[in-house]
Amino acid sequence: MNYPWYSKYPKGTPQQIGPLEYNSLIELFDAAAHKYPNRVAFENFGKQITFAEIDRLSTAFAAYLQNELKLKKGDRVAIQMPNLIQFPIAFMGVIKAGLIAVNTNPLYTPREMEHQFNDAGVSAIVIVSNFAHNLEQILPKLKSKPHIILTDMGDMVGGLKGVMVSFVVKHIKKMVPAFSLPTSVSFKSALKRGENSSYKKPDIQVEDLAVLQYTGGTTGVSKGAQLSHRNIIAHNAMITHWFKPIITEGQQDIVITALPLYHIFALTVNGLLMYTQGVKSVLITNPRDIPGFVKELKKHRFSIITGVNTLFNGLLNNPDFKDCDFSALKGAIGGAMAVQDVVADKWEKLTGCPLIEGYGLSETSPVLCCNPLDGNHKRGTIGIPMPGTEIGIFDDDGNQLPQGEVGEICARGPQVMRGYWNQNNEGVFFKNDWFRTGDIGVMDTEGYFKIVDRKKDMIKVSGFNVYPNEIENVLSGHPKVMEVAAIGVSDAKSGEAIKVFVVKKDESLTEEELKKYAHENLTNYKVPRHFEFKKELPKTNVGKILRRALKEAESVKTT
């Protein structure tokens, strides 16, 4: 079909990606290491590591998983850490061993970890020591008895500096609560033992699973999007074409990786795409520390930066950010949440580089749409579909709607998952393999797409999906709560914030008490910002709470 967006493709960008260049991610990793052996692949805490070193260490880790832990093709391995050099080593090692990587947010509460590890049936967990105390709590509740590989922050920094990094994190900043995991093996020991054993390349087929990427679910529990080697290789081919205008052939660009690599956008764009293109990725371990982040940025003449609206806004509000060197900056890409006009305006004025918006989901590897990076972008839209990707607007009955009409955004393409792990997947796809994104949008006359609203009641906090059912399920467990409803309200800092309406079972219940309970059971970004106590909640005639009525009442207050 001759879709309208094809005319907006950057020069030289194909409409289709053609046959896949690689049969597995292992081949993709090997090709990059062979092409750029002496280039720096990653930098973190001032430590630089080359492509050849990443290749050697990830192969050693794969050998350890195969020979010492006796893991078999298709076993699942959870990786739970922030942006450290250990992450790409562990991730590539898991893939090289023929296993499935299960990315896990290190900020998860024990309850959330327990669900994900049990749902995935993990055989091993690679975790940074800062969060090991949470793992200790849930180990007796895990159905499997996973092997535990433990790493400290400074493990890959090496020498005295590495020791100092780990010491400061543990003893000065007090960021490592006490724990006891006597059967765990250190990451450094695993690498050493792996180097002393032989690695056997597994027989991987392109349809084999590579990643279980967990995302929020409307039932209140996270679901694992099944991403195959084909999904991720095809996605890499698409965005390789798309990023050509801002990646320089023959010299090494620098990308700033502030989004966590356990997030699908950072994993496949900052991690895999930039790796295959020989780009150096500067890993930011704690981007929430904006002064520290800016201090790190000043050390680099970076050419590409990715992030979310709140991250760019935080940088712009730091007085020292203006002193960074933007002379090499060619691309700034915002995803995971809407890029606000005021932020985009300030960014381009200060840096001289436009802030481009894209769109995707964990279920789609993730990029479906992005504004062109050759200057042909359109503010306020999520851009146009990737090569080989079809996007359509559908009504609730699965009928495709004409251009200009509002409906659910649905997608087809080789980067779209096969379905959710351990789910029946009913209603996830319309007929003819159209994946239902759950977002409401519209396509304009030129083929650019715009998100109008979010289907149902999903809340987007700083780029993370939050589902009201989960919030309500957790807070209703408080013994003094009778009923609770959660909605999203507009927030200048995070895009949306969570507000809960609570009917008390015990009049002594306070906001402080409920907030403390939420912090104990929910990751920070899921903790409600606003609390309102009510005598009753609006309901349908069958007793279902009407969140829509609460949202409408809230919008009246703000107008």
Protein backbone atom coordinates (compact mmCIF):
# COMPACT_ATOMS: atom_id res chain seq x y z
CA MET A 1 0.00 0.00 0.00
CA ASN A 2 1.11 3.56 -0.65
CA TYR A 3 0.75 5.08 2.78
CA PRO A 4 0.78 8.90 3.08
CA TRP A 5 3.72 8.91 5.49
CA TYR A 6 6.13 7.46 2.94
CA SER A 7 6.51 10.89 1.30
CA LYS A 8 7.86 12.24 4.61
CA TYR A 9 10.60 9.62 4.97
CA PRO A 10 14.14 10.99 5.13
CA LYS A 11 16.09 10.64 1.87
CA GLY A 12 17.36 7.09 1.41
CA THR A 13 15.00 5.55 4.02
CA PRO A 14 13.32 2.44 2.57
CA GLN A 15 9.63 1.68 2.99
CA GLN A 16 10.43 -1.92 4.00
CA ILE A 17 13.43 -3.39 5.83
CA GLY A 18 13.79 -6.46 3.62
CA PRO A 19 15.27 -9.80 4.75
CA LEU A 20 16.88 -9.83 8.19
CA GLU A 21 20.66 -9.53 8.21
CA TYR A 22 21.07 -11.74 11.28
CA ASN A 23 19.50 -15.00 12.42
CA SER A 24 19.97 -14.24 16.11
CA LEU A 25 21.01 -11.46 18.45
CA ILE A 26 24.21 -13.42 19.04
CA GLU A 27 25.19 -12.82 15.40
CA LEU A 28 24.30 -9.13 15.80
CA PHE A 29 26.57 -8.84 18.88
CA ASP A 30 29.40 -10.70 17.15
CA ALA A 31 29.25 -8.45 14.09
CA ALA A 32 29.54 -5.25 16.16
CA ALA A 33 32.44 -6.60 18.23
CA HIS A 34 34.25 -7.68 15.06
CA LYS A 35 33.69 -4.31 13.34
CA TYR A 36 34.59 -2.02 16.26
CA PRO A 37 36.91 -4.03 18.57
CA ASN A 38 39.00 -1.12 19.81
CA ARG A 39 36.29 1.49 20.13
CA VAL A 40 34.85 2.33 23.54
CA ALA A 41 31.42 0.71 23.84
CA PHE A 42 30.35 1.94 27.29
CA GLU A 43 31.53 4.39 29.93
CA ASN A 44 30.37 4.53 33.55
CA PHE A 45 31.95 6.13 36.64
CA GLY A 46 34.81 7.17 34.35
CA LYS A 47 35.54 3.56 33.40
CA GLN A 48 35.68 2.87 29.67
CA ILE A 49 35.23 -0.58 28.20
CA THR A 50 35.82 -1.53 24.56
CA PHE A 51 33.69 -3.64 22.25
CA ALA A 52 36.31 -6.39 22.40
CA GLU A 53 36.20 -6.40 26.21
CA ILE A 54 32.38 -6.46 26.29
CA ASP A 55 32.48 -9.37 23.86
CA ARG A 56 35.02 -11.29 25.95
CA LEU A 57 33.30 -10.67 29.30
CA SER A 58 29.77 -11.40 28.06
CA THR A 59 31.03 -14.65 26.53
CA ALA A 60 32.61 -15.55 29.88
CA PHE A 61 29.33 -14.84 31.64
CA ALA A 62 27.49 -17.01 29.10
CA ALA A 63 29.95 -19.84 29.75
CA TYR A 64 29.36 -19.51 33.50
CA LEU A 65 25.59 -19.75 33.03
CA GLN A 66 25.99 -22.79 30.79
CA ASN A 67 28.67 -24.73 32.64
CA GLU A 68 28.48 -23.72 36.30
CA LEU A 69 24.73 -23.12 36.67
CA LYS A 70 23.77 -25.72 34.04
CA LEU A 71 21.08 -23.47 32.59
CA LYS A 72 19.43 -24.71 29.41
CA LYS A 73 18.15 -22.97 26.29
CA GLY A 74 14.96 -21.08 27.09
CA ASP A 75 15.57 -20.71 30.83
CA ARG A 76 14.78 -17.22 32.15
CA VAL A 77 17.32 -15.00 33.88
CA ALA A 78 16.25 -11.80 35.67
CA ILE A 79 18.54 -8.77 35.53
CA GLN A 80 17.84 -6.17 38.22
CA MET A 81 20.20 -3.21 38.28
CA PRO A 82 20.50 0.45 37.22
CA ASN A 83 22.79 1.62 34.42
CA LEU A 84 26.13 -0.02 35.14
CA ILE A 85 28.65 -1.67 32.82
CA GLN A 86 27.54 -4.94 34.41
CA PHE A 87 24.19 -4.59 32.64
CA PRO A 88 25.30 -5.02 29.00
CA ILE A 89 27.72 -7.76 30.06
CA ALA A 90 24.95 -9.65 31.85
CA PHE A 91 22.32 -9.03 29.16
CA MET A 92 24.54 -10.09 26.27
CA GLY A 93 25.80 -13.04 28.30
CA VAL A 94 22.25 -14.25 28.93
CA ILE A 95 21.43 -14.03 25.22
CA LYS A 96 24.71 -15.70 24.20
CA ALA A 97 23.90 -18.61 26.51
CA GLY A 98 20.62 -19.17 24.65
CA LEU A 99 18.56 -17.93 27.59
CA ILE A 100 15.75 -15.38 27.94
CA ALA A 101 16.47 -12.04 29.64
CA VAL A 102 13.87 -10.79 32.12
CA ASN A 103 14.43 -7.08 32.72
CA THR A 104 13.41 -5.99 36.21
CA ASN A 105 13.08 -2.52 37.65
CA PRO A 106 15.50 -2.35 40.63
CA LEU A 107 13.08 -0.02 42.42
CA TYR A 108 10.37 -2.67 42.57
CA THR A 109 8.95 -3.47 45.97
CA PRO A 110 9.22 -7.06 47.24
CA ARG A 111 5.58 -7.65 46.25
CA GLU A 112 6.24 -6.59 42.66
CA MET A 113 9.46 -8.61 42.45
CA GLU A 114 7.72 -11.71 43.78
CA HIS A 115 5.01 -11.51 41.12
CA GLN A 116 7.41 -10.99 38.23
CA PHE A 117 9.92 -13.66 39.25
CA ASN A 118 7.17 -16.22 39.86
CA ASP A 119 5.35 -15.37 36.64
CA ALA A 120 8.55 -15.66 34.58
CA GLY A 121 9.75 -18.72 36.49
CA VAL A 122 13.30 -17.38 36.67
CA SER A 123 16.20 -19.80 37.04
CA ALA A 124 18.72 -17.11 38.00
CA ILE A 125 18.73 -13.51 39.21
CA VAL A 126 21.53 -10.99 38.61
CA ILE A 127 21.02 -8.20 41.14
CA VAL A 128 22.94 -5.22 42.46
CA SER A 129 23.58 -5.36 46.23
CA ASN A 130 21.61 -2.13 46.87
CA PHE A 131 18.37 -4.06 46.40
CA ALA A 132 19.39 -7.49 47.69
CA HIS A 133 17.47 -6.97 50.95
CA ASN A 134 14.22 -7.03 48.98
CA LEU A 135 15.24 -10.27 47.30
CA GLU A 136 16.03 -11.81 50.67
CA GLN A 137 12.45 -11.12 51.80
CA ILE A 138 10.79 -12.91 48.90
CA LEU A 139 13.13 -15.88 48.32
CA PRO A 140 10.99 -18.26 50.44
CA LYS A 141 7.93 -17.26 48.37
CA LEU A 142 9.47 -18.01 44.97
CA LYS A 143 8.23 -21.18 43.30
CA SER A 144 11.62 -21.81 41.72
CA LYS A 145 14.88 -21.76 43.66
CA PRO A 146 16.88 -19.37 41.50
CA HIS A 147 20.65 -18.99 41.48
CA ILE A 148 21.66 -15.52 42.74
CA ILE A 149 24.51 -13.52 41.22
CA LEU A 150 25.32 -10.42 43.24
CA THR A 151 27.18 -7.33 42.07
CA ASP A 152 28.34 -4.14 43.76
CA MET A 153 28.17 -0.72 42.09
CA GLY A 154 31.92 -0.46 41.56
CA ASP A 155 32.58 -4.03 40.38
CA MET A 156 33.46 -3.17 36.79
CA VAL A 157 35.19 0.13 37.54
CA GLY A 158 38.24 -1.80 38.69
CA GLY A 159 41.22 -0.96 40.88
CA LEU A 160 41.11 1.34 43.88
CA LYS A 161 38.46 3.55 42.27
CA GLY A 162 36.07 0.61 41.99
CA VAL A 163 36.61 -0.26 45.64
CA MET A 164 36.00 3.36 46.60
CA VAL A 165 32.79 3.58 44.55
CA SER A 166 31.35 0.51 46.30
CA PHE A 167 32.58 1.74 49.70
CA VAL A 168 31.00 5.18 49.32
CA VAL A 169 27.70 3.73 48.10
CA LYS A 170 27.53 1.27 51.01
CA HIS A 171 29.12 3.08 53.96
CA ILE A 172 28.96 6.82 53.22
CA LYS A 173 25.69 7.14 51.33
CA LYS A 174 24.15 4.19 53.22
CA MET A 175 22.49 2.92 50.04
CA VAL A 176 22.94 -0.81 50.72
CA PRO A 177 20.60 -2.04 53.49
CA ALA A 178 21.78 -5.10 55.40
CA PHE A 179 20.95 -8.47 53.84
CA SER A 180 21.95 -12.10 53.98
CA LEU A 181 22.15 -14.18 50.80
CA PRO A 182 24.68 -16.86 51.76
CA THR A 183 24.24 -18.94 48.59
CA SER A 184 24.86 -16.03 46.21
CA VAL A 185 27.88 -15.81 43.90
CA SER A 186 29.62 -12.52 43.13
CA PHE A 187 29.44 -11.18 39.59
CA LYS A 188 33.23 -10.89 39.44
CA SER A 189 33.59 -14.50 40.56
CA ALA A 190 31.08 -15.62 37.92
CA LEU A 191 33.11 -13.87 35.20
CA LYS A 192 36.37 -15.39 36.42
CA ARG A 193 34.91 -18.89 36.55
CA GLY A 194 33.35 -18.39 33.12
CA GLU A 195 36.67 -17.37 31.62
CA ASN A 196 38.12 -20.67 32.83
CA SER A 197 35.45 -22.75 31.09
CA SER A 198 34.48 -23.25 27.47
CA TYR A 199 31.56 -21.46 25.82
CA LYS A 200 29.33 -23.32 23.40
CA LYS A 201 27.29 -21.21 20.99
CA PRO A 202 23.66 -22.39 21.23
CA ASP A 203 21.43 -23.27 18.30
CA ILE A 204 19.16 -20.23 18.21
CA GLN A 205 16.29 -19.85 15.78
CA VAL A 206 15.04 -16.40 14.85
CA GLU A 207 11.61 -17.11 16.37
CA ASP A 208 13.08 -18.11 19.74
CA LEU A 209 12.29 -15.79 22.65
CA ALA A 210 15.02 -13.35 23.64
CA VAL A 211 13.39 -11.04 26.19
CA LEU A 212 10.43 -11.01 28.56
CA GLN A 213 9.73 -7.30 28.94
CA TYR A 214 7.27 -6.73 31.76
CA THR A 215 4.76 -3.96 31.50
CA GLY A 216 1.69 -2.84 33.45
CA GLY A 217 -1.59 -4.71 33.02
CA THR A 218 -5.20 -3.60 33.22
CA THR A 219 -5.89 -6.48 35.60
CA GLY A 220 -3.51 -4.90 38.10
CA VAL A 221 -0.57 -7.25 37.54
CA SER A 222 2.40 -6.80 35.23
CA LYS A 223 2.56 -8.96 32.10
CA GLY A 224 5.60 -10.18 30.21
CA ALA A 225 5.69 -9.10 26.57
CA GLN A 226 7.33 -11.95 24.62
CA LEU A 227 9.96 -10.45 22.34
CA SER A 228 11.71 -12.85 19.98
CA HIS A 229 15.11 -12.55 18.33
CA ARG A 230 13.20 -11.67 15.13
CA ASN A 231 11.28 -8.86 16.88
CA ILE A 232 14.42 -7.18 18.19
CA ILE A 233 16.57 -7.72 15.08
CA ALA A 234 13.81 -6.32 12.85
CA HIS A 235 13.36 -3.36 15.21
CA ASN A 236 17.09 -2.71 15.07
CA ALA A 237 17.02 -2.69 11.27
CA MET A 238 14.15 -0.18 11.25
CA ILE A 239 15.72 2.30 13.62
CA THR A 240 19.14 1.89 12.00
CA HIS A 241 17.63 3.42 8.87
CA TRP A 242 15.81 6.07 10.91
CA PHE A 243 18.85 7.23 12.87
CA LYS A 244 21.17 7.56 9.86
CA PRO A 245 20.75 11.37 9.66
CA ILE A 246 22.29 11.77 13.14
CA ILE A 247 24.89 8.96 13.28
CA THR A 248 28.18 9.78 11.58
CA GLU A 249 29.73 7.03 9.48
CA GLY A 250 33.46 6.59 10.02
CA GLN A 251 33.75 8.36 13.38
CA GLN A 252 32.52 7.59 16.86
CA ASP A 253 29.49 9.44 18.15
CA ILE A 254 28.60 9.62 21.86
CA VAL A 255 25.12 8.89 23.20
CA ILE A 256 24.00 9.80 26.70
CA THR A 257 22.08 6.90 28.26
CA ALA A 258 20.12 8.27 31.19
CA LEU A 259 17.02 6.13 30.76
CA PRO A 260 17.56 2.80 32.54
CA LEU A 261 18.58 -0.11 30.33
CA TYR A 262 15.87 -2.27 31.90
CA HIS A 263 13.41 0.04 30.10
CA ILE A 264 12.74 -1.26 26.58
CA PHE A 265 13.47 2.10 24.89
CA ALA A 266 16.92 2.41 26.44
CA LEU A 267 17.64 -1.30 25.92
CA THR A 268 16.98 -1.43 22.19
CA VAL A 269 17.86 2.15 21.19
CA ASN A 270 20.70 3.21 23.50
CA GLY A 271 21.83 -0.35 24.09
CA LEU A 272 21.48 -2.37 20.90
CA LEU A 273 21.18 0.23 18.11
CA MET A 274 24.09 2.33 19.34
CA TYR A 275 26.16 -0.83 19.94
CA THR A 276 25.64 -2.04 16.38
CA GLN A 277 26.59 1.41 15.03
CA GLY A 278 29.81 1.67 17.04
CA VAL A 279 28.53 4.55 19.20
CA LYS A 280 29.95 5.08 22.69
CA SER A 281 27.21 4.98 25.33
CA VAL A 282 27.78 6.98 28.51
CA LEU A 283 25.75 5.21 31.20
CA ILE A 284 24.15 7.49 33.80
CA THR A 285 23.52 5.45 36.93
CA ASN A 286 21.37 7.98 38.80
CA PRO A 287 19.80 10.57 36.46
CA ARG A 288 17.54 11.76 39.30
CA ASP A 289 20.61 13.46 40.75
CA ILE A 290 20.38 16.32 38.25
CA PRO A 291 23.46 18.24 39.55
CA GLY A 292 25.54 15.05 39.33
CA PHE A 293 24.07 14.28 35.91
CA VAL A 294 24.97 17.75 34.61
CA LYS A 295 28.48 17.40 36.03
CA GLU A 296 28.89 14.18 34.02
CA LEU A 297 27.45 15.77 30.87
CA LYS A 298 30.11 18.50 31.02
CA LYS A 299 32.80 15.83 30.54
CA HIS A 300 31.49 14.77 27.13
CA ARG A 301 31.02 16.34 23.71
CA PHE A 302 27.93 14.24 23.19
CA SER A 303 26.06 13.94 19.90
CA ILE A 304 22.85 12.12 20.88
CA ILE A 305 20.70 12.10 24.02
CA THR A 306 17.49 10.22 24.71
CA GLY A 307 15.09 10.65 27.59
CA VAL A 308 11.60 11.55 28.72
CA ASN A 309 9.99 14.96 29.06
CA THR A 310 10.60 15.15 32.82
CA LEU A 311 14.30 14.42 32.36
CA PHE A 312 14.76 17.15 29.76
CA ASN A 313 12.76 19.54 31.93
CA GLY A 314 14.93 18.74 34.95
CA LEU A 315 18.10 19.48 32.99
CA LEU A 316 16.72 22.75 31.66
CA ASN A 317 15.92 23.89 35.20
CA ASN A 318 19.48 23.30 36.38
CA PRO A 319 21.50 26.54 36.11
CA ASP A 320 24.72 24.73 35.17
CA PHE A 321 23.22 22.82 32.23
CA LYS A 322 23.70 25.82 29.94
CA ASP A 323 27.46 25.44 30.33
CA CYS A 324 27.53 22.00 28.67
CA ASP A 325 29.08 21.64 25.22
CA PHE A 326 26.25 21.27 22.68
CA SER A 327 28.41 21.84 19.60
CA ALA A 328 28.24 18.17 18.55
CA LEU A 329 24.58 17.57 19.48
CA LYS A 330 22.68 16.22 16.48
CA GLY A 331 19.77 14.38 18.03
CA ALA A 332 17.58 14.65 21.13
CA ILE A 333 14.76 12.12 21.24
CA GLY A 334 11.93 12.00 23.78
CA GLY A 335 9.79 8.92 24.29
CA ALA A 336 7.60 7.11 26.84
CA MET A 337 5.46 10.22 27.48
CA ALA A 338 4.38 13.35 25.62
CA VAL A 339 7.05 15.99 25.06
CA GLN A 340 5.56 19.26 26.29
CA ASP A 341 5.78 22.26 23.96
CA VAL A 342 7.34 24.50 26.61
CA VAL A 343 10.11 21.96 27.21
CA ALA A 344 10.74 21.46 23.49
CA ASP A 345 10.92 25.23 22.95
CA LYS A 346 13.37 25.80 25.81
CA TRP A 347 15.49 22.81 24.76
CA GLU A 348 15.91 23.94 21.16
CA LYS A 349 16.59 27.53 22.18
CA LEU A 350 19.34 26.50 24.61
CA THR A 351 20.99 23.63 22.73
CA GLY A 352 20.29 24.58 19.12
CA CYS A 353 18.97 21.04 18.55
CA PRO A 354 15.26 20.16 18.26
CA LEU A 355 13.71 17.77 20.76
CA ILE A 356 12.04 15.06 18.67
CA GLU A 357 9.14 12.93 19.87
CA GLY A 358 8.62 9.24 19.17
CA TYR A 359 6.19 6.55 20.30
CA GLY A 360 6.27 2.90 21.20
CA LEU A 361 5.44 0.26 23.77
CA SER A 362 7.16 -2.61 25.53
CA GLU A 363 5.05 -4.90 23.36
CA THR A 364 6.53 -3.44 20.16
CA SER A 365 10.26 -3.53 20.97
CA PRO A 366 9.32 -0.50 21.34
CA VAL A 367 9.41 2.02 18.45
CA LEU A 368 6.34 2.23 16.22
CA CYS A 369 6.49 5.89 15.22
CA CYS A 370 9.01 8.69 15.37
CA ASN A 371 9.34 12.11 13.89
CA PRO A 372 11.95 12.24 11.11
CA LEU A 373 15.44 13.16 12.30
CA ASP A 374 16.31 15.12 9.16
CA GLY A 375 14.46 18.27 10.24
CA ASN A 376 11.06 17.24 8.85
CA HIS A 377 9.48 16.80 12.28
CA LYS A 378 6.04 18.03 13.30
CA ARG A 379 5.58 19.38 16.83
CA GLY A 380 2.74 17.87 18.83
CA THR A 381 2.76 14.56 16.97
CA ILE A 382 4.42 11.21 17.63
CA GLY A 383 5.69 11.22 14.06
CA ILE A 384 5.24 8.61 11.34
CA PRO A 385 5.54 4.81 11.28
CA MET A 386 8.88 3.04 10.99
CA PRO A 387 9.87 1.20 7.79
CA GLY A 388 7.96 -2.07 7.55
CA THR A 389 5.40 -0.87 10.10
CA GLU A 390 1.70 -0.30 9.55
CA ILE A 391 -0.31 1.93 11.88
CA GLY A 392 -4.07 2.22 11.70
CA ILE A 393 -6.91 3.81 13.65
CA PHE A 394 -9.69 1.41 14.64
CA ASP A 395 -13.06 1.53 16.34
CA ASP A 396 -13.99 -0.79 19.23
CA ASP A 397 -15.36 -3.40 16.81
CA GLY A 398 -12.10 -3.76 14.92
CA ASN A 399 -13.07 -1.66 11.89
CA GLN A 400 -10.32 0.53 10.44
CA LEU A 401 -11.33 4.19 10.41
CA PRO A 402 -10.66 6.79 7.69
CA GLN A 403 -7.92 9.37 7.96
CA GLY A 404 -8.81 12.16 10.39
CA GLU A 405 -11.12 10.06 12.57
CA VAL A 406 -10.30 9.34 16.21
CA GLY A 407 -9.96 5.76 17.44
CA GLU A 408 -7.60 3.22 18.95
CA ILE A 409 -4.06 3.15 17.56
CA CYS A 410 -3.27 -0.36 16.28
CA ALA A 411 -0.05 -1.64 14.74
CA ARG A 412 1.36 -4.42 12.58
CA GLY A 413 5.02 -5.12 11.97
CA PRO A 414 7.86 -7.55 12.63
CA GLN A 415 8.75 -5.74 15.88
CA VAL A 416 5.36 -6.53 17.47
CA MET A 417 5.39 -9.20 20.19
CA ARG A 418 3.75 -12.61 19.77
CA GLY A 419 1.68 -12.09 22.93
CA TYR A 420 1.99 -12.00 26.71
CA TRP A 421 3.74 -14.75 28.68
CA ASN A 422 1.33 -17.10 30.50
CA GLN A 423 -1.74 -15.21 29.24
CA ASN A 424 -4.57 -16.23 26.91
CA ASN A 425 -4.13 -12.90 25.04
CA GLU A 426 -7.80 -12.57 24.25
CA GLY A 427 -8.53 -9.06 22.99
CA VAL A 428 -4.85 -8.15 22.59
CA PHE A 429 -5.05 -8.29 18.78
CA PHE A 430 -7.75 -7.45 16.28
CA LYS A 431 -8.15 -9.73 13.27
CA ASN A 432 -5.24 -9.88 10.81
CA ASP A 433 -2.67 -9.41 13.61
CA TRP A 434 -3.39 -5.77 14.42
CA PHE A 435 -1.97 -5.15 17.90
CA ARG A 436 -4.17 -2.95 20.06
CA THR A 437 -2.03 -0.31 21.78
CA GLY A 438 -4.78 0.93 24.10
CA ASP A 439 -4.02 4.52 23.09
CA ILE A 440 -6.51 6.76 21.33
CA GLY A 441 -5.16 8.74 18.39
CA VAL A 442 -5.69 10.25 14.98
CA MET A 443 -3.74 10.41 11.71
CA ASP A 444 -3.51 13.77 9.93
CA THR A 445 -3.50 14.37 6.17
CA GLU A 446 0.29 13.91 5.90
CA GLY A 447 0.40 10.61 7.77
CA TYR A 448 1.62 11.98 11.10
CA PHE A 449 -0.04 10.50 14.17
CA LYS A 450 -1.17 12.27 17.31
CA ILE A 451 -2.22 10.73 20.62
CA VAL A 452 -5.55 12.22 21.64
CA ASP A 453 -6.15 10.35 24.87
CA ARG A 454 -5.38 7.09 26.63
CA LYS A 455 -7.82 4.26 26.42
CA LYS A 456 -9.57 3.26 29.59
CA ASP A 457 -7.88 4.77 32.62
CA MET A 458 -4.15 4.24 32.27
CA ILE A 459 -2.06 6.89 34.01
CA LYS A 460 1.32 7.98 32.60
CA VAL A 461 3.74 9.16 35.30
CA SER A 462 7.10 10.40 33.98
CA GLY A 463 6.87 8.00 31.07
CA PHE A 464 5.88 4.95 33.13
CA ASN A 465 2.51 3.26 32.72
CA VAL A 466 0.47 3.05 35.92
CA TYR A 467 -2.80 1.16 36.04
CA PRO A 468 -5.48 2.22 38.54
CA ASN A 469 -6.49 -1.38 39.27
CA GLU A 470 -3.11 -2.10 40.83
CA ILE A 471 -3.16 1.05 42.97
CA GLU A 472 -6.70 0.32 44.13
CA ASN A 473 -5.91 -3.33 44.81
CA VAL A 474 -2.96 -2.42 47.02
CA LEU A 475 -4.58 0.43 48.97
CA SER A 476 -7.77 -1.51 49.55
CA GLY A 477 -5.63 -3.97 51.49
CA HIS A 478 -5.22 -1.39 54.24
CA PRO A 479 -7.47 -2.45 57.12
CA LYS A 480 -8.93 1.05 57.53
CA VAL A 481 -9.93 1.47 53.85
CA MET A 482 -13.47 0.74 52.67
CA GLU A 483 -13.26 1.74 49.02
CA VAL A 484 -10.69 3.43 46.82
CA ALA A 485 -10.52 4.77 43.27
CA ALA A 486 -7.43 6.03 41.43
CA ILE A 487 -7.25 8.46 38.53
CA GLY A 488 -4.61 10.53 36.77
CA VAL A 489 -4.56 14.29 37.16
CA SER A 490 -2.51 16.81 35.22
CA ASP A 491 0.92 17.55 36.68
CA ALA A 492 3.45 20.07 35.33
CA LYS A 493 6.45 18.01 36.43
CA SER A 494 5.52 14.40 35.64
CA GLY A 495 2.85 14.85 32.98
CA GLU A 496 0.32 13.11 35.16
CA ALA A 497 0.12 12.39 38.87
CA ILE A 498 -1.95 9.81 40.69
CA LYS A 499 -4.88 10.93 42.81
CA VAL A 500 -6.86 8.52 44.97
CA PHE A 501 -10.33 8.92 46.43
CA VAL A 502 -10.83 6.93 49.61
CA VAL A 503 -13.85 5.95 51.65
CA LYS A 504 -12.76 5.16 55.19
CA LYS A 505 -13.63 2.01 57.06
CA ASP A 506 -12.11 3.49 60.23
CA GLU A 507 -12.40 7.24 60.76
CA SER A 508 -8.95 7.35 62.40
CA LEU A 509 -7.29 6.74 59.00
CA THR A 510 -4.98 9.62 58.02
CA GLU A 511 -3.36 10.62 54.74
CA GLU A 512 0.10 10.12 56.27
CA GLU A 513 -0.79 6.58 57.32
CA LEU A 514 -2.10 5.65 53.89
CA LYS A 515 0.84 7.25 52.10
CA LYS A 516 3.26 5.24 54.26
CA TYR A 517 1.38 2.06 53.37
CA ALA A 518 1.57 2.94 49.67
CA HIS A 519 5.34 3.49 49.86
CA GLU A 520 5.76 0.08 51.47
CA ASN A 521 3.87 -1.70 48.70
CA LEU A 522 4.38 0.30 45.53
CA THR A 523 7.32 1.56 43.49
CA ASN A 524 7.78 5.31 44.00
CA TYR A 525 6.28 6.39 40.69
CA LYS A 526 3.10 4.43 41.52
CA VAL A 527 2.61 6.09 44.91
CA PRO A 528 -0.33 8.56 44.77
CA ARG A 529 0.58 12.23 44.99
CA HIS A 530 -2.89 13.37 46.03
CA PHE A 531 -5.38 11.90 48.52
CA GLU A 532 -9.01 12.86 49.02
CA PHE A 533 -11.36 11.27 51.54
CA LYS A 534 -15.01 10.97 50.52
CA LYS A 535 -18.19 9.62 52.10
CA GLU A 536 -19.03 7.64 48.98
CA LEU A 537 -17.81 7.05 45.43
CA PRO A 538 -19.90 7.34 42.25
CA LYS A 539 -20.97 3.93 40.92
CA THR A 540 -22.87 2.33 38.06
CA ASN A 541 -26.16 0.55 38.74
CA VAL A 542 -24.25 -2.72 39.16
CA GLY A 543 -21.90 -1.20 41.74
CA LYS A 544 -18.84 -0.52 39.55
CA ILE A 545 -16.96 2.61 40.61
CA LEU A 546 -17.14 5.32 37.97
CA ARG A 547 -13.62 6.68 37.60
CA ARG A 548 -14.83 8.72 34.65
CA ALA A 549 -17.16 10.71 36.90
CA LEU A 550 -14.29 11.42 39.29
CA LYS A 551 -12.10 12.62 36.41
CA GLU A 552 -14.84 14.87 35.08
CA ALA A 553 -15.39 16.39 38.53
CA GLU A 554 -11.66 16.93 38.89
CA SER A 555 -11.39 18.66 35.51
CA VAL A 556 -14.20 21.04 36.52
CA LYS A 557 -12.16 22.06 39.57
CA THR A 558 -9.18 23.03 37.39
CA THR A 559 -11.13 25.05 34.82
